Amino acid sequence: MTAYSPLGSPDRPWAKPDDVILLKNPLLETIATKHNRSPAQVVLRFNIQRGVIVIPKSATPSRIAENKKVFDFALTNEEMESIESLQRGNTGRVCRPASVVNGETIEWAYGRYDYPYGEEF
């Protein structure tokens, strides 16, 4: 499995004002501070420890370098479980296939037989 937008695409143009900003989550910030890491590194490490391939995107050289520094620490089982408790299922997805027609967002793929994002993993 590959994580698409594993850091929550904080700069996504279609974000709504009330959308959750993953990298500002207090739990992730606390765990990051404990490990002397950034919340992004914690999110990447969490997924790697779950066996998920992560492909973070960044145009900032310092963030690209930071994103690679996730293999020299590990999250505890308790931290993994705490982060897992943040799971919001399909409602927490920030990259759902959609189109805007006459100002209305239409999630055209949701409900199709091959739509994979409703599955729990």
N, C-alpha and C. Protein backbone atom coordinates (compact mmCIF):
# COMPACT_ATOMS: atom_id res chain seq x y z
N MET A 1 0.84 -1.16 0.00
CA MET A 1 0.00 0.00 0.00
C MET A 1 0.90 1.24 0.00
N THR A 2 0.48 2.26 -0.69
CA THR A 2 1.22 3.51 -0.76
C THR A 2 0.34 4.64 -0.22
N ALA A 3 0.92 5.47 0.64
CA ALA A 3 0.20 6.61 1.19
C ALA A 3 0.25 7.76 0.19
N TYR A 4 -0.90 8.22 -0.23
CA TYR A 4 -0.99 9.38 -1.11
C TYR A 4 -1.21 10.60 -0.22
N SER A 5 -0.38 11.60 -0.36
CA SER A 5 -0.43 12.79 0.50
C SER A 5 -0.30 12.40 1.98
N PRO A 6 0.77 11.70 2.34
CA PRO A 6 0.90 11.21 3.71
C PRO A 6 0.99 12.31 4.77
N LEU A 7 1.28 13.54 4.35
CA LEU A 7 1.36 14.65 5.31
C LEU A 7 0.11 15.52 5.29
N GLY A 8 -0.92 15.07 4.59
CA GLY A 8 -2.20 15.77 4.60
C GLY A 8 -2.31 16.93 3.64
N SER A 9 -1.35 17.11 2.76
CA SER A 9 -1.39 18.20 1.77
C SER A 9 -1.81 19.53 2.41
N PRO A 10 -1.01 20.05 3.34
CA PRO A 10 -1.43 21.25 4.05
C PRO A 10 -1.65 22.48 3.17
N ASP A 11 -1.03 22.53 2.00
CA ASP A 11 -1.20 23.68 1.11
C ASP A 11 -2.20 23.43 -0.01
N ARG A 12 -3.03 22.41 0.13
CA ARG A 12 -3.97 22.07 -0.95
C ARG A 12 -4.94 23.22 -1.18
N PRO A 13 -5.16 23.57 -2.44
CA PRO A 13 -6.02 24.71 -2.75
C PRO A 13 -7.50 24.48 -2.44
N TRP A 14 -7.92 23.24 -2.34
CA TRP A 14 -9.34 22.96 -2.10
C TRP A 14 -9.66 22.81 -0.61
N ALA A 15 -8.68 23.10 0.27
CA ALA A 15 -8.92 22.98 1.71
C ALA A 15 -10.02 23.93 2.15
N LYS A 16 -10.83 23.44 3.09
CA LYS A 16 -11.88 24.25 3.68
C LYS A 16 -11.36 24.82 5.00
N PRO A 17 -11.88 25.96 5.43
CA PRO A 17 -11.37 26.57 6.67
C PRO A 17 -11.44 25.67 7.90
N ASP A 18 -12.43 24.77 7.94
CA ASP A 18 -12.57 23.91 9.11
C ASP A 18 -11.87 22.55 8.96
N ASP A 19 -11.13 22.35 7.87
CA ASP A 19 -10.39 21.10 7.70
C ASP A 19 -9.31 20.97 8.76
N VAL A 20 -9.07 19.75 9.18
CA VAL A 20 -8.03 19.46 10.14
C VAL A 20 -6.66 19.64 9.47
N ILE A 21 -5.74 20.28 10.18
CA ILE A 21 -4.36 20.39 9.69
C ILE A 21 -3.54 19.35 10.44
N LEU A 22 -3.27 18.25 9.78
CA LEU A 22 -2.62 17.10 10.39
C LEU A 22 -1.34 17.47 11.14
N LEU A 23 -0.49 18.27 10.54
CA LEU A 23 0.81 18.56 11.12
C LEU A 23 0.75 19.51 12.31
N LYS A 24 -0.45 19.99 12.64
CA LYS A 24 -0.62 20.84 13.82
C LYS A 24 -1.39 20.11 14.92
N ASN A 25 -1.55 18.81 14.78
CA ASN A 25 -2.25 18.02 15.78
C ASN A 25 -1.43 17.99 17.07
N PRO A 26 -2.04 18.30 18.22
CA PRO A 26 -1.31 18.34 19.49
C PRO A 26 -0.63 17.01 19.85
N LEU A 27 -1.28 15.89 19.59
CA LEU A 27 -0.67 14.60 19.89
C LEU A 27 0.60 14.40 19.07
N LEU A 28 0.53 14.69 17.78
CA LEU A 28 1.71 14.53 16.92
C LEU A 28 2.81 15.49 17.33
N GLU A 29 2.44 16.70 17.73
CA GLU A 29 3.44 17.67 18.19
C GLU A 29 4.13 17.18 19.46
N THR A 30 3.37 16.59 20.38
CA THR A 30 3.94 16.07 21.63
C THR A 30 4.91 14.93 21.36
N ILE A 31 4.50 14.00 20.52
CA ILE A 31 5.37 12.86 20.17
C ILE A 31 6.62 13.36 19.45
N ALA A 32 6.46 14.32 18.57
CA ALA A 32 7.59 14.88 17.84
C ALA A 32 8.60 15.51 18.80
N THR A 33 8.11 16.27 19.74
CA THR A 33 8.99 16.91 20.72
C THR A 33 9.75 15.87 21.53
N LYS A 34 9.06 14.80 21.94
CA LYS A 34 9.70 13.73 22.72
C LYS A 34 10.87 13.11 21.96
N HIS A 35 10.72 12.96 20.64
CA HIS A 35 11.75 12.33 19.81
C HIS A 35 12.69 13.34 19.16
N ASN A 36 12.49 14.63 19.46
CA ASN A 36 13.28 15.70 18.85
C ASN A 36 13.16 15.65 17.32
N ARG A 37 11.91 15.54 16.87
CA ARG A 37 11.57 15.44 15.45
C ARG A 37 10.47 16.43 15.12
N SER A 38 10.10 16.48 13.86
CA SER A 38 8.97 17.30 13.45
C SER A 38 7.72 16.41 13.39
N PRO A 39 6.53 17.02 13.46
CA PRO A 39 5.31 16.22 13.28
C PRO A 39 5.31 15.47 11.95
N ALA A 40 5.87 16.06 10.90
CA ALA A 40 5.93 15.37 9.61
C ALA A 40 6.76 14.10 9.71
N GLN A 41 7.87 14.15 10.41
CA GLN A 41 8.70 12.96 10.56
C GLN A 41 7.96 11.89 11.36
N VAL A 42 7.19 12.29 12.35
CA VAL A 42 6.40 11.33 13.13
C VAL A 42 5.35 10.66 12.25
N VAL A 43 4.67 11.43 11.42
CA VAL A 43 3.65 10.87 10.53
C VAL A 43 4.29 9.89 9.54
N LEU A 44 5.40 10.28 8.97
CA LEU A 44 6.09 9.38 8.02
C LEU A 44 6.54 8.11 8.72
N ARG A 45 7.13 8.24 9.91
CA ARG A 45 7.60 7.07 10.65
C ARG A 45 6.44 6.17 11.03
N PHE A 46 5.33 6.74 11.44
CA PHE A 46 4.13 5.97 11.79
C PHE A 46 3.71 5.07 10.63
N ASN A 47 3.64 5.65 9.45
CA ASN A 47 3.23 4.87 8.29
C ASN A 47 4.27 3.82 7.91
N ILE A 48 5.53 4.16 7.98
CA ILE A 48 6.59 3.19 7.67
C ILE A 48 6.51 2.01 8.63
N GLN A 49 6.32 2.28 9.91
CA GLN A 49 6.22 1.19 10.88
C GLN A 49 4.99 0.32 10.64
N ARG A 50 3.99 0.86 9.97
CA ARG A 50 2.79 0.08 9.63
C ARG A 50 2.96 -0.67 8.31
N GLY A 51 4.11 -0.49 7.66
CA GLY A 51 4.35 -1.17 6.40
C GLY A 51 3.79 -0.44 5.19
N VAL A 52 3.47 0.83 5.36
CA VAL A 52 2.93 1.63 4.26
C VAL A 52 4.07 2.40 3.60
N ILE A 53 4.11 2.38 2.29
CA ILE A 53 5.10 3.14 1.55
C ILE A 53 4.66 4.60 1.54
N VAL A 54 5.58 5.49 1.87
CA VAL A 54 5.24 6.91 1.89
C VAL A 54 6.06 7.65 0.84
N ILE A 55 5.40 8.54 0.14
CA ILE A 55 6.07 9.37 -0.87
C ILE A 55 5.67 10.82 -0.59
N PRO A 56 6.37 11.46 0.37
CA PRO A 56 6.03 12.85 0.66
C PRO A 56 6.50 13.78 -0.45
N LYS A 57 5.75 14.84 -0.65
CA LYS A 57 6.09 15.82 -1.68
C LYS A 57 6.49 17.12 -0.99
N SER A 58 7.57 17.70 -1.47
CA SER A 58 7.97 19.01 -0.99
C SER A 58 8.86 19.65 -2.03
N ALA A 59 8.81 20.96 -2.10
CA ALA A 59 9.69 21.71 -2.99
C ALA A 59 10.76 22.43 -2.17
N THR A 60 10.69 22.30 -0.85
CA THR A 60 11.62 22.98 0.05
C THR A 60 12.79 22.06 0.38
N PRO A 61 14.01 22.42 -0.01
CA PRO A 61 15.17 21.54 0.21
C PRO A 61 15.32 21.08 1.67
N SER A 62 15.09 21.96 2.63
CA SER A 62 15.25 21.56 4.04
C SER A 62 14.21 20.52 4.45
N ARG A 63 13.01 20.63 3.92
CA ARG A 63 11.97 19.64 4.24
C ARG A 63 12.24 18.31 3.54
N ILE A 64 12.76 18.37 2.34
CA ILE A 64 13.12 17.14 1.63
C ILE A 64 14.17 16.38 2.43
N ALA A 65 15.19 17.10 2.92
CA ALA A 65 16.23 16.47 3.74
C ALA A 65 15.64 15.92 5.04
N GLU A 66 14.75 16.69 5.67
CA GLU A 66 14.11 16.25 6.91
C GLU A 66 13.28 14.99 6.70
N ASN A 67 12.56 14.93 5.58
CA ASN A 67 11.69 13.79 5.31
C ASN A 67 12.46 12.48 5.18
N LYS A 68 13.75 12.56 4.86
CA LYS A 68 14.56 11.34 4.73
C LYS A 68 15.08 10.85 6.08
N LYS A 69 14.99 11.66 7.10
CA LYS A 69 15.56 11.31 8.41
C LYS A 69 14.50 10.67 9.31
N VAL A 70 13.97 9.56 8.85
CA VAL A 70 12.94 8.85 9.62
C VAL A 70 13.31 7.40 9.91
N PHE A 71 14.53 7.02 9.59
CA PHE A 71 14.93 5.63 9.76
C PHE A 71 15.84 5.42 10.96
N ASP A 72 16.11 6.47 11.73
CA ASP A 72 17.01 6.33 12.87
C ASP A 72 16.29 6.51 14.21
N PHE A 73 14.97 6.37 14.20
CA PHE A 73 14.20 6.35 15.45
C PHE A 73 12.96 5.48 15.21
N ALA A 74 12.34 5.09 16.30
CA ALA A 74 11.12 4.27 16.21
C ALA A 74 10.11 4.77 17.22
N LEU A 75 8.85 4.64 16.87
CA LEU A 75 7.77 4.99 17.77
C LEU A 75 7.45 3.78 18.65
N THR A 76 7.07 4.04 19.89
CA THR A 76 6.70 2.95 20.78
C THR A 76 5.34 2.40 20.39
N ASN A 77 5.02 1.23 20.90
CA ASN A 77 3.69 0.65 20.64
C ASN A 77 2.60 1.58 21.14
N GLU A 78 2.83 2.21 22.29
CA GLU A 78 1.85 3.14 22.85
C GLU A 78 1.65 4.35 21.93
N GLU A 79 2.74 4.88 21.40
CA GLU A 79 2.64 6.01 20.47
C GLU A 79 1.91 5.60 19.20
N MET A 80 2.23 4.41 18.69
CA MET A 80 1.55 3.93 17.49
C MET A 80 0.04 3.83 17.73
N GLU A 81 -0.35 3.28 18.87
CA GLU A 81 -1.77 3.14 19.19
C GLU A 81 -2.44 4.51 19.36
N SER A 82 -1.72 5.45 19.97
CA SER A 82 -2.27 6.80 20.16
C SER A 82 -2.52 7.47 18.81
N ILE A 83 -1.56 7.35 17.90
CA ILE A 83 -1.72 7.94 16.58
C ILE A 83 -2.84 7.24 15.82
N GLU A 84 -2.91 5.93 15.94
CA GLU A 84 -3.97 5.17 15.27
C GLU A 84 -5.35 5.65 15.74
N SER A 85 -5.45 6.09 16.99
CA SER A 85 -6.74 6.53 17.52
C SER A 85 -7.24 7.82 16.84
N LEU A 86 -6.35 8.50 16.10
CA LEU A 86 -6.75 9.69 15.36
C LEU A 86 -7.50 9.36 14.08
N GLN A 87 -7.51 8.08 13.70
CA GLN A 87 -8.15 7.64 12.45
C GLN A 87 -9.59 8.15 12.37
N ARG A 88 -9.91 8.78 11.27
CA ARG A 88 -11.26 9.31 11.06
C ARG A 88 -11.97 8.63 9.90
N GLY A 89 -11.38 7.55 9.39
CA GLY A 89 -12.01 6.83 8.29
C GLY A 89 -12.13 7.69 7.05
N ASN A 90 -13.16 7.46 6.29
CA ASN A 90 -13.35 8.16 5.02
C ASN A 90 -13.55 9.66 5.21
N THR A 91 -14.09 10.09 6.35
CA THR A 91 -14.32 11.52 6.56
C THR A 91 -13.03 12.29 6.78
N GLY A 92 -11.95 11.59 7.09
CA GLY A 92 -10.67 12.25 7.33
C GLY A 92 -9.79 12.36 6.10
N ARG A 93 -10.24 11.87 4.99
CA ARG A 93 -9.43 11.91 3.78
C ARG A 93 -9.45 13.32 3.18
N VAL A 94 -8.26 13.79 2.78
CA VAL A 94 -8.18 15.14 2.23
C VAL A 94 -8.05 15.14 0.71
N CYS A 95 -7.80 14.01 0.12
CA CYS A 95 -7.63 13.93 -1.34
C CYS A 95 -8.64 12.94 -1.89
N ARG A 96 -9.87 13.38 -2.02
CA ARG A 96 -10.92 12.54 -2.57
C ARG A 96 -11.22 13.02 -3.98
N PRO A 97 -11.28 12.10 -4.95
CA PRO A 97 -11.53 12.51 -6.33
C PRO A 97 -12.85 13.27 -6.45
N ALA A 98 -12.77 14.46 -6.97
CA ALA A 98 -13.96 15.29 -7.10
C ALA A 98 -13.79 16.28 -8.25
N SER A 99 -14.91 16.81 -8.69
CA SER A 99 -14.92 17.86 -9.70
C SER A 99 -15.83 18.97 -9.19
N VAL A 100 -15.58 20.19 -9.64
CA VAL A 100 -16.45 21.31 -9.29
C VAL A 100 -17.21 21.70 -10.55
N VAL A 101 -18.54 21.62 -10.47
CA VAL A 101 -19.41 21.95 -11.59
C VAL A 101 -20.38 23.02 -11.12
N ASN A 102 -20.35 24.17 -11.79
CA ASN A 102 -21.22 25.30 -11.41
C ASN A 102 -21.11 25.63 -9.92
N GLY A 103 -19.90 25.60 -9.39
CA GLY A 103 -19.67 25.94 -7.99
C GLY A 103 -19.98 24.84 -7.00
N GLU A 104 -20.45 23.68 -7.47
CA GLU A 104 -20.79 22.58 -6.58
C GLU A 104 -19.76 21.47 -6.72
N THR A 105 -19.26 20.96 -5.59
CA THR A 105 -18.29 19.86 -5.60
C THR A 105 -19.03 18.54 -5.75
N ILE A 106 -18.62 17.77 -6.74
CA ILE A 106 -19.23 16.47 -7.00
C ILE A 106 -18.14 15.41 -6.83
N GLU A 107 -18.33 14.55 -5.83
CA GLU A 107 -17.38 13.46 -5.60
C GLU A 107 -17.79 12.30 -6.50
N TRP A 108 -17.35 12.37 -7.73
CA TRP A 108 -17.78 11.44 -8.76
C TRP A 108 -17.32 10.01 -8.55
N ALA A 109 -16.25 9.81 -7.83
CA ALA A 109 -15.74 8.44 -7.69
C ALA A 109 -16.32 7.73 -6.48
N TYR A 110 -16.79 8.49 -5.49
CA TYR A 110 -17.29 7.88 -4.26
C TYR A 110 -18.49 6.98 -4.56
N GLY A 111 -18.44 5.77 -4.07
CA GLY A 111 -19.53 4.83 -4.27
C GLY A 111 -19.36 3.91 -5.46
N ARG A 112 -18.35 4.20 -6.31
CA ARG A 112 -18.09 3.30 -7.44
C ARG A 112 -17.57 1.96 -6.92
N TYR A 113 -17.74 0.92 -7.69
CA TYR A 113 -17.30 -0.42 -7.28
C TYR A 113 -15.79 -0.49 -7.04
N ASP A 114 -15.02 0.35 -7.72
CA ASP A 114 -13.57 0.30 -7.59
C ASP A 114 -13.00 1.43 -6.72
N TYR A 115 -13.86 2.12 -5.97
CA TYR A 115 -13.41 3.21 -5.09
C TYR A 115 -12.81 2.61 -3.83
N PRO A 116 -11.48 2.74 -3.64
CA PRO A 116 -10.83 2.04 -2.53
C PRO A 116 -10.80 2.78 -1.21
N TYR A 117 -11.15 4.07 -1.19
CA TYR A 117 -10.89 4.86 0.01
C TYR A 117 -11.85 4.65 1.16
N GLY A 118 -12.88 3.88 0.96
CA GLY A 118 -13.79 3.60 2.07
C GLY A 118 -13.34 2.41 2.88
N GLU A 119 -12.31 1.72 2.42
CA GLU A 119 -11.83 0.54 3.12
C GLU A 119 -10.96 0.91 4.30
N GLU A 120 -11.13 0.20 5.40
CA GLU A 120 -10.26 0.38 6.55
C GLU A 120 -8.98 -0.41 6.30
N PHE A 121 -7.89 0.09 6.82
CA PHE A 121 -6.62 -0.65 6.67
C PHE A 121 -5.89 -0.64 7.98
